[in-house]
Amino acid sequence: MLILNADEMWQAVSLPKVMDTVEEAYRIFAKGEFFMPDRPVVTHGDDTLLYMPCFTEKCFGTKVLTLFPANPAKGFPYIDGLMLLNDAESGKTVSIMDGGCLTAMRTGAVGGVGMRCFSPASAHTVGVIGAGKQGFYQALYATCARDIRHIYLYDSFPGKDFGPYVASLQAALGGKQPEIHVCGSPEELLANSEIVVTASPATSPVMPNDTALLKGKCFVAIGSYKPTMRELPNAIWELVDHVYTELPFAMEESGDLSQPLEDGIITEDRVRYIGDYLLAHPVPVPPPPGTTTYFKSVGMGLLDLCVADFIYHEALRTGMGQKVRF
């Protein structure tokens, strides 16, 4: 069995290859070549436990994830957990890896894929609302999806010290050094960003309900994973014909979809699936500049499984990790 910590997982792979793996996972989903039960979500107070099993022809695995909103104030990660990867024929556990790292890696790649598909090829600016761990990796992957020259950050957390966050992001960007700007309001971020990523735990929209501010941008919504959570305002539906997401369950799970559906603002025929798009477009076809697009991700176990399998084989190839015999 191979045990991989977060540093070893990042060292084993490249970000563009992780995005390629996520694209292929979406195609596997569209072709139905998997088995993935609806993930059980257990809530205790403000805390959440996610249990995400999934099977493909090559392998199967289970990610067990905890989401504790109070953790950052205590100095602990908001998201934590483990990924167990198993051999499809024998059921043997072949790897255990850091589930929080896997979530950040594949969720960042999901955002990157959304940008590859739905932002103009000429986009040079990205704004991230929610300067936490997920927002960090959204910004990082954005620089792989597009030639990003300016990153705009906004966080509603009172008194947030952006200094260490910006320094860490600059270090992670390596040779790429876009200018990083901290915004005082969502309006400032929207005014400067062609791509807008939301990665917050908000229960109400994180930007104004103003079509003039939203028009002509690519929105990648990452944070809303409960029916009570919401990041985008209703004005978005006046600007887009449809939203792309991952699976039908997203219409129940995310308040960004379930609430407009319940309120009669949209109907289900305006929800489309990114796997179908990627089957039809093996190479994504970016929209022209000035187009308003909307991709809503809730994640799914198939993404974790495919990325975990990729990490495992790359770690074996590069000699990463600790081999343990039980």
C-alpha atoms as a PDB file:
ATOM      1  CA  MET A   1       0.000   0.000   0.000  1.00  0.00           C
ATOM      2  CA  LEU A   2       1.245   3.466  -0.885  1.00  0.00           C
ATOM      3  CA  ILE A   3       0.671   6.290   1.600  1.00  0.00           C
ATOM      4  CA  LEU A   4       0.884   9.807   0.183  1.00  0.00           C
ATOM      5  CA  ASN A   5       0.930  13.066   2.106  1.00  0.00           C
ATOM      6  CA  ALA A   6       0.005  16.420   0.590  1.00  0.00           C
ATOM      7  CA  ASP A   7       3.552  17.438  -0.389  1.00  0.00           C
ATOM      8  CA  GLU A   8       4.131  14.146  -2.176  1.00  0.00           C
ATOM      9  CA  MET A   9       0.813  14.408  -4.020  1.00  0.00           C
ATOM     10  CA  TRP A  10       1.632  17.875  -5.361  1.00  0.00           C
ATOM     11  CA  GLN A  11       5.158  16.830  -6.333  1.00  0.00           C
ATOM     12  CA  ALA A  12       3.897  13.817  -8.267  1.00  0.00           C
ATOM     13  CA  VAL A  13       1.702  15.713 -10.762  1.00  0.00           C
ATOM     14  CA  SER A  14       1.452  18.824 -12.936  1.00  0.00           C
ATOM     15  CA  LEU A  15      -1.609  21.081 -12.809  1.00  0.00           C
ATOM     16  CA  PRO A  16      -2.409  20.903 -16.554  1.00  0.00           C
ATOM     17  CA  LYS A  17      -2.377  17.087 -16.357  1.00  0.00           C
ATOM     18  CA  VAL A  18      -4.764  17.173 -13.396  1.00  0.00           C
ATOM     19  CA  MET A  19      -7.114  19.346 -15.472  1.00  0.00           C
ATOM     20  CA  ASP A  20      -6.836  16.826 -18.328  1.00  0.00           C
ATOM     21  CA  THR A  21      -7.767  14.069 -15.863  1.00  0.00           C
ATOM     22  CA  VAL A  22     -10.817  16.017 -14.662  1.00  0.00           C
ATOM     23  CA  GLU A  23     -11.936  16.522 -18.275  1.00  0.00           C
ATOM     24  CA  GLU A  24     -11.673  12.778 -18.866  1.00  0.00           C
ATOM     25  CA  ALA A  25     -13.639  12.097 -15.663  1.00  0.00           C
ATOM     26  CA  TYR A  26     -16.468  14.268 -17.016  1.00  0.00           C
ATOM     27  CA  ARG A  27     -16.429  12.268 -20.259  1.00  0.00           C
ATOM     28  CA  ILE A  28     -16.582   9.006 -18.281  1.00  0.00           C
ATOM     29  CA  PHE A  29     -19.610  10.402 -16.477  1.00  0.00           C
ATOM     30  CA  ALA A  30     -21.321  11.406 -19.742  1.00  0.00           C
ATOM     31  CA  LYS A  31     -20.732   7.901 -21.173  1.00  0.00           C
ATOM     32  CA  GLY A  32     -22.075   6.230 -18.027  1.00  0.00           C
ATOM     33  CA  GLU A  33     -18.929   4.135 -17.503  1.00  0.00           C
ATOM     34  CA  PHE A  34     -19.000   4.314 -13.706  1.00  0.00           C
ATOM     35  CA  PHE A  35     -21.073   3.530 -10.622  1.00  0.00           C
ATOM     36  CA  MET A  36     -21.458   6.346  -8.103  1.00  0.00           C
ATOM     37  CA  PRO A  37     -24.158   6.270  -5.424  1.00  0.00           C
ATOM     38  CA  ASP A  38     -25.529   9.611  -4.243  1.00  0.00           C
ATOM     39  CA  ARG A  39     -23.116  10.725  -1.567  1.00  0.00           C
ATOM     40  CA  PRO A  40     -24.469  10.624   1.978  1.00  0.00           C
ATOM     41  CA  VAL A  41     -24.144  13.975   3.712  1.00  0.00           C
ATOM     42  CA  VAL A  42     -24.272  13.942   7.511  1.00  0.00           C
ATOM     43  CA  THR A  43     -24.718  17.277   9.256  1.00  0.00           C
ATOM     44  CA  HIS A  44     -24.138  17.792  12.973  1.00  0.00           C
ATOM     45  CA  GLY A  45     -24.656  21.413  13.977  1.00  0.00           C
ATOM     46  CA  ASP A  46     -22.583  23.480  11.560  1.00  0.00           C
ATOM     47  CA  ASP A  47     -20.271  20.566  10.754  1.00  0.00           C
ATOM     48  CA  THR A  48     -20.573  18.222   7.780  1.00  0.00           C
ATOM     49  CA  LEU A  49     -19.340  14.711   6.946  1.00  0.00           C
ATOM     50  CA  LEU A  50     -19.269  13.601   3.301  1.00  0.00           C
ATOM     51  CA  TYR A  51     -18.897   9.942   2.314  1.00  0.00           C
ATOM     52  CA  MET A  52     -18.119   9.582  -1.396  1.00  0.00           C
ATOM     53  CA  PRO A  53     -17.708   6.064  -2.876  1.00  0.00           C
ATOM     54  CA  CYS A  54     -17.258   5.531  -6.624  1.00  0.00           C
ATOM     55  CA  PHE A  55     -16.375   2.731  -9.071  1.00  0.00           C
ATOM     56  CA  THR A  56     -14.921   2.678 -12.598  1.00  0.00           C
ATOM     57  CA  GLU A  57     -13.674  -0.227 -14.685  1.00  0.00           C
ATOM     58  CA  LYS A  58     -10.092   0.469 -13.547  1.00  0.00           C
ATOM     59  CA  CYS A  59     -10.495   1.024  -9.821  1.00  0.00           C
ATOM     60  CA  PHE A  60     -12.754   2.101  -7.016  1.00  0.00           C
ATOM     61  CA  GLY A  61     -12.334   4.272  -3.989  1.00  0.00           C
ATOM     62  CA  THR A  62     -13.957   6.250  -1.216  1.00  0.00           C
ATOM     63  CA  LYS A  63     -13.255   9.749  -0.005  1.00  0.00           C
ATOM     64  CA  VAL A  64     -14.314  10.560   3.545  1.00  0.00           C
ATOM     65  CA  LEU A  65     -14.322  14.290   4.109  1.00  0.00           C
ATOM     66  CA  THR A  66     -15.076  16.593   7.043  1.00  0.00           C
ATOM     67  CA  LEU A  67     -16.056  20.254   6.662  1.00  0.00           C
ATOM     68  CA  PHE A  68     -15.840  22.178   9.940  1.00  0.00           C
ATOM     69  CA  PRO A  69     -16.497  25.931   9.413  1.00  0.00           C
ATOM     70  CA  ALA A  70     -15.082  26.894  12.824  1.00  0.00           C
ATOM     71  CA  ASN A  71     -11.717  25.258  12.140  1.00  0.00           C
ATOM     72  CA  PRO A  72      -9.891  28.165  10.440  1.00  0.00           C
ATOM     73  CA  ALA A  73     -10.381  30.355  13.526  1.00  0.00           C
ATOM     74  CA  LYS A  74      -8.762  27.558  15.554  1.00  0.00           C
ATOM     75  CA  GLY A  75      -5.827  27.222  13.158  1.00  0.00           C
ATOM     76  CA  PHE A  76      -7.073  23.993  11.559  1.00  0.00           C
ATOM     77  CA  PRO A  77      -8.109  23.346   7.937  1.00  0.00           C
ATOM     78  CA  TYR A  78     -11.768  23.840   7.044  1.00  0.00           C
ATOM     79  CA  ILE A  79     -11.660  20.639   4.943  1.00  0.00           C
ATOM     80  CA  ASP A  80      -9.955  17.441   6.082  1.00  0.00           C
ATOM     81  CA  GLY A  81     -10.208  13.730   5.358  1.00  0.00           C
ATOM     82  CA  LEU A  82      -8.764  10.693   3.606  1.00  0.00           C
ATOM     83  CA  MET A  83      -9.031   9.019   0.207  1.00  0.00           C
ATOM     84  CA  LEU A  84      -8.895   5.228   0.012  1.00  0.00           C
ATOM     85  CA  LEU A  85      -8.017   3.849  -3.449  1.00  0.00           C
ATOM     86  CA  ASN A  86      -8.742   0.206  -4.255  1.00  0.00           C
ATOM     87  CA  ASP A  87      -7.894  -2.277  -6.985  1.00  0.00           C
ATOM     88  CA  ALA A  88     -11.010  -3.083  -9.046  1.00  0.00           C
ATOM     89  CA  GLU A  89     -10.360  -6.846  -9.323  1.00  0.00           C
ATOM     90  CA  SER A  90      -9.249  -7.752  -5.814  1.00  0.00           C
ATOM     91  CA  GLY A  91     -10.717  -4.938  -3.727  1.00  0.00           C
ATOM     92  CA  LYS A  92      -7.301  -4.464  -2.154  1.00  0.00           C
ATOM     93  CA  THR A  93      -6.564  -0.970  -0.824  1.00  0.00           C
ATOM     94  CA  VAL A  94      -3.584   0.173  -2.879  1.00  0.00           C
ATOM     95  CA  SER A  95      -3.248   3.714  -1.544  1.00  0.00           C
ATOM     96  CA  ILE A  96      -4.273   6.071   1.230  1.00  0.00           C
ATOM     97  CA  MET A  97      -3.849   9.761   0.537  1.00  0.00           C
ATOM     98  CA  ASP A  98      -4.654  13.137   2.037  1.00  0.00           C
ATOM     99  CA  GLY A  99      -8.337  13.802   1.312  1.00  0.00           C
ATOM    100  CA  GLY A 100      -8.133  17.540   1.964  1.00  0.00           C
ATOM    101  CA  CYS A 101      -5.269  17.873  -0.497  1.00  0.00           C
ATOM    102  CA  LEU A 102      -7.112  15.761  -3.066  1.00  0.00           C
ATOM    103  CA  THR A 103     -10.197  17.959  -2.694  1.00  0.00           C
ATOM    104  CA  ALA A 104      -8.171  21.131  -3.211  1.00  0.00           C
ATOM    105  CA  MET A 105      -6.327  19.630  -6.168  1.00  0.00           C
ATOM    106  CA  ARG A 106      -9.361  18.349  -8.053  1.00  0.00           C
ATOM    107  CA  THR A 107     -11.619  21.293  -7.140  1.00  0.00           C
ATOM    108  CA  GLY A 108      -9.005  23.719  -8.376  1.00  0.00           C
ATOM    109  CA  ALA A 109      -8.758  21.644 -11.550  1.00  0.00           C
ATOM    110  CA  VAL A 110     -12.562  21.702 -11.894  1.00  0.00           C
ATOM    111  CA  GLY A 111     -12.442  25.498 -11.849  1.00  0.00           C
ATOM    112  CA  GLY A 112      -9.615  25.421 -14.381  1.00  0.00           C
ATOM    113  CA  VAL A 113     -11.616  23.154 -16.692  1.00  0.00           C
ATOM    114  CA  GLY A 114     -14.606  25.492 -16.354  1.00  0.00           C
ATOM    115  CA  MET A 115     -12.351  28.367 -17.437  1.00  0.00           C
ATOM    116  CA  ARG A 116     -10.945  26.338 -20.344  1.00  0.00           C
ATOM    117  CA  CYS A 117     -14.466  25.650 -21.573  1.00  0.00           C
ATOM    118  CA  PHE A 118     -16.381  28.836 -20.829  1.00  0.00           C
ATOM    119  CA  SER A 119     -13.996  31.816 -20.660  1.00  0.00           C
ATOM    120  CA  PRO A 120     -12.616  33.652 -23.715  1.00  0.00           C
ATOM    121  CA  ALA A 121      -9.166  32.505 -24.790  1.00  0.00           C
ATOM    122  CA  SER A 122      -8.075  36.133 -24.523  1.00  0.00           C
ATOM    123  CA  ALA A 123      -9.009  36.460 -20.824  1.00  0.00           C
ATOM    124  CA  HIS A 124      -6.146  37.893 -18.753  1.00  0.00           C
ATOM    125  CA  THR A 125      -7.895  38.760 -15.472  1.00  0.00           C
ATOM    126  CA  VAL A 126      -9.497  36.622 -12.778  1.00  0.00           C
ATOM    127  CA  GLY A 127     -11.294  37.606  -9.591  1.00  0.00           C
ATOM    128  CA  VAL A 128     -11.699  35.219  -6.669  1.00  0.00           C
ATOM    129  CA  ILE A 129     -14.372  35.865  -4.041  1.00  0.00           C
ATOM    130  CA  GLY A 130     -13.479  33.847  -0.961  1.00  0.00           C
ATOM    131  CA  ALA A 131      -9.779  33.991  -0.111  1.00  0.00           C
ATOM    132  CA  GLY A 132      -9.559  30.616   1.614  1.00  0.00           C
ATOM    133  CA  LYS A 133      -7.944  27.337   0.638  1.00  0.00           C
ATOM    134  CA  GLN A 134     -10.315  26.697  -2.261  1.00  0.00           C
ATOM    135  CA  GLY A 135      -9.922  30.251  -3.542  1.00  0.00           C
ATOM    136  CA  PHE A 136      -6.151  29.842  -3.391  1.00  0.00           C
ATOM    137  CA  TYR A 137      -6.189  26.865  -5.742  1.00  0.00           C
ATOM    138  CA  GLN A 138      -8.787  28.435  -8.023  1.00  0.00           C
ATOM    139  CA  ALA A 139      -6.363  31.303  -8.574  1.00  0.00           C
ATOM    140  CA  LEU A 140      -3.482  28.892  -9.089  1.00  0.00           C
ATOM    141  CA  TYR A 141      -5.286  26.796 -11.697  1.00  0.00           C
ATOM    142  CA  ALA A 142      -6.600  29.919 -13.433  1.00  0.00           C
ATOM    143  CA  THR A 143      -3.024  30.723 -14.427  1.00  0.00           C
ATOM    144  CA  CYS A 144      -2.802  27.297 -16.105  1.00  0.00           C
ATOM    145  CA  ALA A 145      -6.122  27.639 -17.913  1.00  0.00           C
ATOM    146  CA  ARG A 146      -5.509  31.169 -19.241  1.00  0.00           C
ATOM    147  CA  ASP A 147      -2.678  33.701 -19.574  1.00  0.00           C
ATOM    148  CA  ILE A 148      -3.631  35.481 -16.364  1.00  0.00           C
ATOM    149  CA  ARG A 149      -1.858  38.784 -15.758  1.00  0.00           C
ATOM    150  CA  HIS A 150      -3.953  40.129 -12.877  1.00  0.00           C
ATOM    151  CA  ILE A 151      -5.563  38.300  -9.934  1.00  0.00           C
ATOM    152  CA  TYR A 152      -8.164  40.161  -7.853  1.00  0.00           C
ATOM    153  CA  LEU A 153      -9.066  38.889  -4.373  1.00  0.00           C
ATOM    154  CA  TYR A 154     -11.979  39.707  -2.106  1.00  0.00           C
ATOM    155  CA  ASP A 155     -13.003  38.151   1.203  1.00  0.00           C
ATOM    156  CA  SER A 156     -15.796  39.246   3.515  1.00  0.00           C
ATOM    157  CA  PHE A 157     -14.053  37.813   6.589  1.00  0.00           C
ATOM    158  CA  PRO A 158     -13.523  40.855   8.865  1.00  0.00           C
ATOM    159  CA  GLY A 159      -9.949  41.842   9.549  1.00  0.00           C
ATOM    160  CA  LYS A 160      -8.384  39.251   7.236  1.00  0.00           C
ATOM    161  CA  ASP A 161      -4.622  39.730   6.880  1.00  0.00           C
ATOM    162  CA  PHE A 162      -3.953  39.184   3.173  1.00  0.00           C
ATOM    163  CA  GLY A 163      -0.162  39.492   3.513  1.00  0.00           C
ATOM    164  CA  PRO A 164       0.684  35.826   4.223  1.00  0.00           C
ATOM    165  CA  TYR A 165      -2.021  34.652   1.779  1.00  0.00           C
ATOM    166  CA  VAL A 166      -0.642  36.735  -1.091  1.00  0.00           C
ATOM    167  CA  ALA A 167       2.931  35.683  -0.274  1.00  0.00           C
ATOM    168  CA  SER A 168       1.958  32.009  -0.309  1.00  0.00           C
ATOM    169  CA  LEU A 169       0.120  32.438  -3.604  1.00  0.00           C
ATOM    170  CA  GLN A 170       3.099  34.203  -5.170  1.00  0.00           C
ATOM    171  CA  ALA A 171       5.372  31.375  -4.017  1.00  0.00           C
ATOM    172  CA  ALA A 172       3.030  28.728  -5.439  1.00  0.00           C
ATOM    173  CA  LEU A 173       2.833  30.549  -8.774  1.00  0.00           C
ATOM    174  CA  GLY A 174       6.575  30.103  -9.239  1.00  0.00           C
ATOM    175  CA  GLY A 175       7.729  31.610 -12.530  1.00  0.00           C
ATOM    176  CA  LYS A 176       4.278  32.987 -13.249  1.00  0.00           C
ATOM    177  CA  GLN A 177       3.900  36.273 -11.439  1.00  0.00           C
ATOM    178  CA  PRO A 178       0.633  38.014 -12.287  1.00  0.00           C
ATOM    179  CA  GLU A 179      -0.104  41.121 -10.263  1.00  0.00           C
ATOM    180  CA  ILE A 180      -2.238  40.325  -7.210  1.00  0.00           C
ATOM    181  CA  HIS A 181      -4.717  42.948  -6.022  1.00  0.00           C
ATOM    182  CA  VAL A 182      -6.810  42.922  -2.838  1.00  0.00           C
ATOM    183  CA  CYS A 183     -10.246  44.457  -3.435  1.00  0.00           C
ATOM    184  CA  GLY A 184     -12.334  46.353  -0.917  1.00  0.00           C
ATOM    185  CA  SER A 185     -15.673  45.207  -2.341  1.00  0.00           C
ATOM    186  CA  PRO A 186     -17.235  42.697  -4.758  1.00  0.00           C
ATOM    187  CA  GLU A 187     -18.065  45.638  -7.030  1.00  0.00           C
ATOM    188  CA  GLU A 188     -14.377  46.522  -7.369  1.00  0.00           C
ATOM    189  CA  LEU A 189     -13.525  42.899  -8.162  1.00  0.00           C
ATOM    190  CA  LEU A 190     -16.297  42.604 -10.769  1.00  0.00           C
ATOM    191  CA  ALA A 191     -15.243  45.812 -12.473  1.00  0.00           C
ATOM    192  CA  ASN A 192     -11.730  44.443 -13.049  1.00  0.00           C
ATOM    193  CA  SER A 193     -12.266  40.717 -13.745  1.00  0.00           C
ATOM    194  CA  GLU A 194     -13.145  38.842 -16.929  1.00  0.00           C
ATOM    195  CA  ILE A 195     -13.363  35.544 -15.016  1.00  0.00           C
ATOM    196  CA  VAL A 196     -15.060  35.519 -11.604  1.00  0.00           C
ATOM    197  CA  VAL A 197     -14.710  32.554  -9.240  1.00  0.00           C
ATOM    198  CA  THR A 198     -16.790  32.234  -6.086  1.00  0.00           C
ATOM    199  CA  ALA A 199     -15.357  29.938  -3.425  1.00  0.00           C
ATOM    200  CA  SER A 200     -17.180  30.900  -0.238  1.00  0.00           C
ATOM    201  CA  PRO A 201     -19.490  29.278   2.370  1.00  0.00           C
ATOM    202  CA  ALA A 202     -22.054  32.067   1.833  1.00  0.00           C
ATOM    203  CA  THR A 203     -25.756  31.569   2.459  1.00  0.00           C
ATOM    204  CA  SER A 204     -26.743  34.604   0.371  1.00  0.00           C
ATOM    205  CA  PRO A 205     -25.299  35.993  -2.883  1.00  0.00           C
ATOM    206  CA  VAL A 206     -21.785  37.387  -2.588  1.00  0.00           C
ATOM    207  CA  MET A 207     -22.236  40.021  -5.318  1.00  0.00           C
ATOM    208  CA  PRO A 208     -24.871  42.625  -6.174  1.00  0.00           C
ATOM    209  CA  ASN A 209     -28.024  41.676  -8.072  1.00  0.00           C
ATOM    210  CA  ASP A 210     -27.010  44.003 -10.903  1.00  0.00           C
ATOM    211  CA  THR A 211     -26.906  42.812 -14.523  1.00  0.00           C
ATOM    212  CA  ALA A 212     -24.670  45.720 -15.548  1.00  0.00           C
ATOM    213  CA  LEU A 213     -21.928  44.498 -13.183  1.00  0.00           C
ATOM    214  CA  LEU A 214     -22.302  40.813 -14.141  1.00  0.00           C
ATOM    215  CA  LYS A 215     -22.596  41.126 -17.907  1.00  0.00           C
ATOM    216  CA  GLY A 216     -19.868  39.747 -20.154  1.00  0.00           C
ATOM    217  CA  LYS A 217     -18.054  37.635 -17.568  1.00  0.00           C
ATOM    218  CA  CYS A 218     -17.326  33.933 -17.066  1.00  0.00           C
ATOM    219  CA  PHE A 219     -18.640  32.818 -13.664  1.00  0.00           C
ATOM    220  CA  VAL A 220     -17.260  29.700 -12.001  1.00  0.00           C
ATOM    221  CA  ALA A 221     -19.228  28.998  -8.803  1.00  0.00           C
ATOM    222  CA  ILE A 222     -17.535  26.541  -6.455  1.00  0.00           C
ATOM    223  CA  GLY A 223     -18.678  27.171  -2.892  1.00  0.00           C
ATOM    224  CA  SER A 224     -22.389  26.298  -2.616  1.00  0.00           C
ATOM    225  CA  TYR A 225     -22.684  22.620  -1.686  1.00  0.00           C
ATOM    226  CA  LYS A 226     -25.901  22.746   0.402  1.00  0.00           C
ATOM    227  CA  PRO A 227     -29.461  23.863  -0.473  1.00  0.00           C
ATOM    228  CA  THR A 228     -29.095  26.646   2.107  1.00  0.00           C
ATOM    229  CA  MET A 229     -25.933  28.030   0.482  1.00  0.00           C
ATOM    230  CA  ARG A 230     -25.969  30.577  -2.330  1.00  0.00           C
ATOM    231  CA  GLU A 231     -23.277  32.620  -4.105  1.00  0.00           C
ATOM    232  CA  LEU A 232     -24.769  34.079  -7.313  1.00  0.00           C
ATOM    233  CA  PRO A 233     -27.704  36.526  -7.466  1.00  0.00           C
ATOM    234  CA  ASN A 234     -30.839  36.071  -9.574  1.00  0.00           C
ATOM    235  CA  ALA A 235     -29.599  38.654 -12.087  1.00  0.00           C
ATOM    236  CA  ILE A 236     -27.298  36.013 -13.581  1.00  0.00           C
ATOM    237  CA  TRP A 237     -30.350  34.288 -15.113  1.00  0.00           C
ATOM    238  CA  GLU A 238     -31.169  37.415 -17.113  1.00  0.00           C
ATOM    239  CA  LEU A 239     -27.774  37.167 -18.801  1.00  0.00           C
ATOM    240  CA  VAL A 240     -27.316  33.447 -19.555  1.00  0.00           C
ATOM    241  CA  ASP A 241     -29.482  31.000 -21.481  1.00  0.00           C
ATOM    242  CA  HIS A 242     -28.237  28.080 -19.396  1.00  0.00           C
ATOM    243  CA  VAL A 243     -25.845  26.963 -16.684  1.00  0.00           C
ATOM    244  CA  TYR A 244     -23.427  24.061 -16.963  1.00  0.00           C
ATOM    245  CA  THR A 245     -22.952  21.752 -13.991  1.00  0.00           C
ATOM    246  CA  GLU A 246     -21.854  18.151 -13.356  1.00  0.00           C
ATOM    247  CA  LEU A 247     -24.871  16.001 -12.581  1.00  0.00           C
ATOM    248  CA  PRO A 248     -28.634  16.222 -11.970  1.00  0.00           C
ATOM    249  CA  PHE A 249     -28.141  15.943  -8.201  1.00  0.00           C
ATOM    250  CA  ALA A 250     -26.649  19.451  -8.303  1.00  0.00           C
ATOM    251  CA  MET A 251     -30.179  20.804  -8.740  1.00  0.00           C
ATOM    252  CA  GLU A 252     -31.024  19.440  -5.284  1.00  0.00           C
ATOM    253  CA  GLU A 253     -27.708  19.913  -3.536  1.00  0.00           C
ATOM    254  CA  SER A 254     -26.762  23.512  -4.325  1.00  0.00           C
ATOM    255  CA  GLY A 255     -28.829  26.532  -3.388  1.00  0.00           C
ATOM    256  CA  ASP A 256     -27.437  28.276  -6.467  1.00  0.00           C
ATOM    257  CA  LEU A 257     -29.638  25.929  -8.505  1.00  0.00           C
ATOM    258  CA  SER A 258     -32.297  24.607  -6.117  1.00  0.00           C
ATOM    259  CA  GLN A 259     -33.464  28.049  -4.946  1.00  0.00           C
ATOM    260  CA  PRO A 260     -34.011  29.579  -8.424  1.00  0.00           C
ATOM    261  CA  LEU A 261     -35.771  26.358  -9.461  1.00  0.00           C
ATOM    262  CA  GLU A 262     -38.048  26.420  -6.404  1.00  0.00           C
ATOM    263  CA  ASP A 263     -38.810  30.111  -6.949  1.00  0.00           C
ATOM    264  CA  GLY A 264     -39.733  29.526 -10.597  1.00  0.00           C
ATOM    265  CA  ILE A 265     -36.975  31.832 -11.843  1.00  0.00           C
ATOM    266  CA  ILE A 266     -35.580  29.035 -14.030  1.00  0.00           C
ATOM    267  CA  THR A 267     -36.715  25.622 -15.265  1.00  0.00           C
ATOM    268  CA  GLU A 268     -34.693  22.410 -15.438  1.00  0.00           C
ATOM    269  CA  ASP A 269     -34.233  22.673 -19.214  1.00  0.00           C
ATOM    270  CA  ARG A 270     -31.786  25.545 -18.572  1.00  0.00           C
ATOM    271  CA  VAL A 271     -29.417  23.204 -16.707  1.00  0.00           C
ATOM    272  CA  ARG A 272     -26.861  21.424 -18.898  1.00  0.00           C
ATOM    273  CA  TYR A 273     -23.938  19.100 -18.168  1.00  0.00           C
ATOM    274  CA  ILE A 274     -20.257  19.693 -18.733  1.00  0.00           C
ATOM    275  CA  GLY A 275     -19.631  16.020 -19.558  1.00  0.00           C
ATOM    276  CA  ASP A 276     -21.969  16.287 -22.553  1.00  0.00           C
ATOM    277  CA  TYR A 277     -20.159  19.452 -23.607  1.00  0.00           C
ATOM    278  CA  LEU A 278     -16.750  17.752 -23.412  1.00  0.00           C
ATOM    279  CA  LEU A 279     -17.954  14.727 -25.385  1.00  0.00           C
ATOM    280  CA  ALA A 280     -19.149  17.062 -28.122  1.00  0.00           C
ATOM    281  CA  HIS A 281     -15.994  19.219 -27.894  1.00  0.00           C
ATOM    282  CA  PRO A 282     -12.876  17.064 -27.320  1.00  0.00           C
ATOM    283  CA  VAL A 283     -10.990  20.367 -27.471  1.00  0.00           C
ATOM    284  CA  PRO A 284     -13.063  23.065 -25.682  1.00  0.00           C
ATOM    285  CA  VAL A 285     -14.252  25.922 -27.886  1.00  0.00           C
ATOM    286  CA  PRO A 286     -13.961  29.182 -25.893  1.00  0.00           C
ATOM    287  CA  PRO A 287     -16.732  31.754 -26.263  1.00  0.00           C
ATOM    288  CA  PRO A 288     -16.012  35.168 -27.777  1.00  0.00           C
ATOM    289  CA  PRO A 289     -15.082  38.048 -25.457  1.00  0.00           C
ATOM    290  CA  GLY A 290     -18.061  39.742 -23.853  1.00  0.00           C
ATOM    291  CA  THR A 291     -20.121  36.547 -23.512  1.00  0.00           C
ATOM    292  CA  THR A 292     -21.692  35.850 -20.120  1.00  0.00           C
ATOM    293  CA  THR A 293     -21.234  32.208 -19.082  1.00  0.00           C
ATOM    294  CA  TYR A 294     -21.964  30.285 -15.903  1.00  0.00           C
ATOM    295  CA  PHE A 295     -20.485  27.004 -14.617  1.00  0.00           C
ATOM    296  CA  LYS A 296     -21.677  25.688 -11.257  1.00  0.00           C
ATOM    297  CA  SER A 297     -19.699  22.865  -9.648  1.00  0.00           C
ATOM    298  CA  VAL A 298     -20.785  20.754  -6.688  1.00  0.00           C
ATOM    299  CA  GLY A 299     -18.136  18.073  -7.164  1.00  0.00           C
ATOM    300  CA  MET A 300     -18.621  14.327  -7.233  1.00  0.00           C
ATOM    301  CA  GLY A 301     -16.825  11.177  -6.175  1.00  0.00           C
ATOM    302  CA  LEU A 302     -15.913  10.274  -9.761  1.00  0.00           C
ATOM    303  CA  LEU A 303     -13.635  13.322  -9.942  1.00  0.00           C
ATOM    304  CA  ASP A 304     -11.860  12.307  -6.747  1.00  0.00           C
ATOM    305  CA  LEU A 305     -11.472   8.730  -7.919  1.00  0.00           C
ATOM    306  CA  CYS A 306     -10.016   9.615 -11.324  1.00  0.00           C
ATOM    307  CA  VAL A 307      -7.617  12.196  -9.906  1.00  0.00           C
ATOM    308  CA  ALA A 308      -6.591   9.865  -7.055  1.00  0.00           C
ATOM    309  CA  ASP A 309      -5.873   7.071  -9.545  1.00  0.00           C
ATOM    310  CA  PHE A 310      -3.798   9.490 -11.636  1.00  0.00           C
ATOM    311  CA  ILE A 311      -1.852  10.675  -8.575  1.00  0.00           C
ATOM    312  CA  TYR A 312      -1.246   7.076  -7.465  1.00  0.00           C
ATOM    313  CA  HIS A 313       0.239   5.991 -10.789  1.00  0.00           C
ATOM    314  CA  GLU A 314       2.318   9.153 -11.124  1.00  0.00           C
ATOM    315  CA  ALA A 315       3.618   8.654  -7.564  1.00  0.00           C
ATOM    316  CA  LEU A 316       4.607   5.082  -8.401  1.00  0.00           C
ATOM    317  CA  ARG A 317       6.359   6.289 -11.553  1.00  0.00           C
ATOM    318  CA  THR A 318       8.273   9.045  -9.760  1.00  0.00           C
ATOM    319  CA  GLY A 319       8.995   7.142  -6.537  1.00  0.00           C
ATOM    320  CA  MET A 320       6.864   9.302  -4.274  1.00  0.00           C
ATOM    321  CA  GLY A 321       5.213   8.179  -1.051  1.00  0.00           C
ATOM    322  CA  GLN A 322       5.762   5.573   1.633  1.00  0.00           C
ATOM    323  CA  LYS A 323       5.111   1.905   0.925  1.00  0.00           C
ATOM    324  CA  VAL A 324       3.537   0.042   3.845  1.00  0.00           C
ATOM    325  CA  ARG A 325       2.810  -3.669   4.143  1.00  0.00           C
ATOM    326  CA  PHE A 326      -0.208  -4.731   6.278  1.00  0.00           C
END
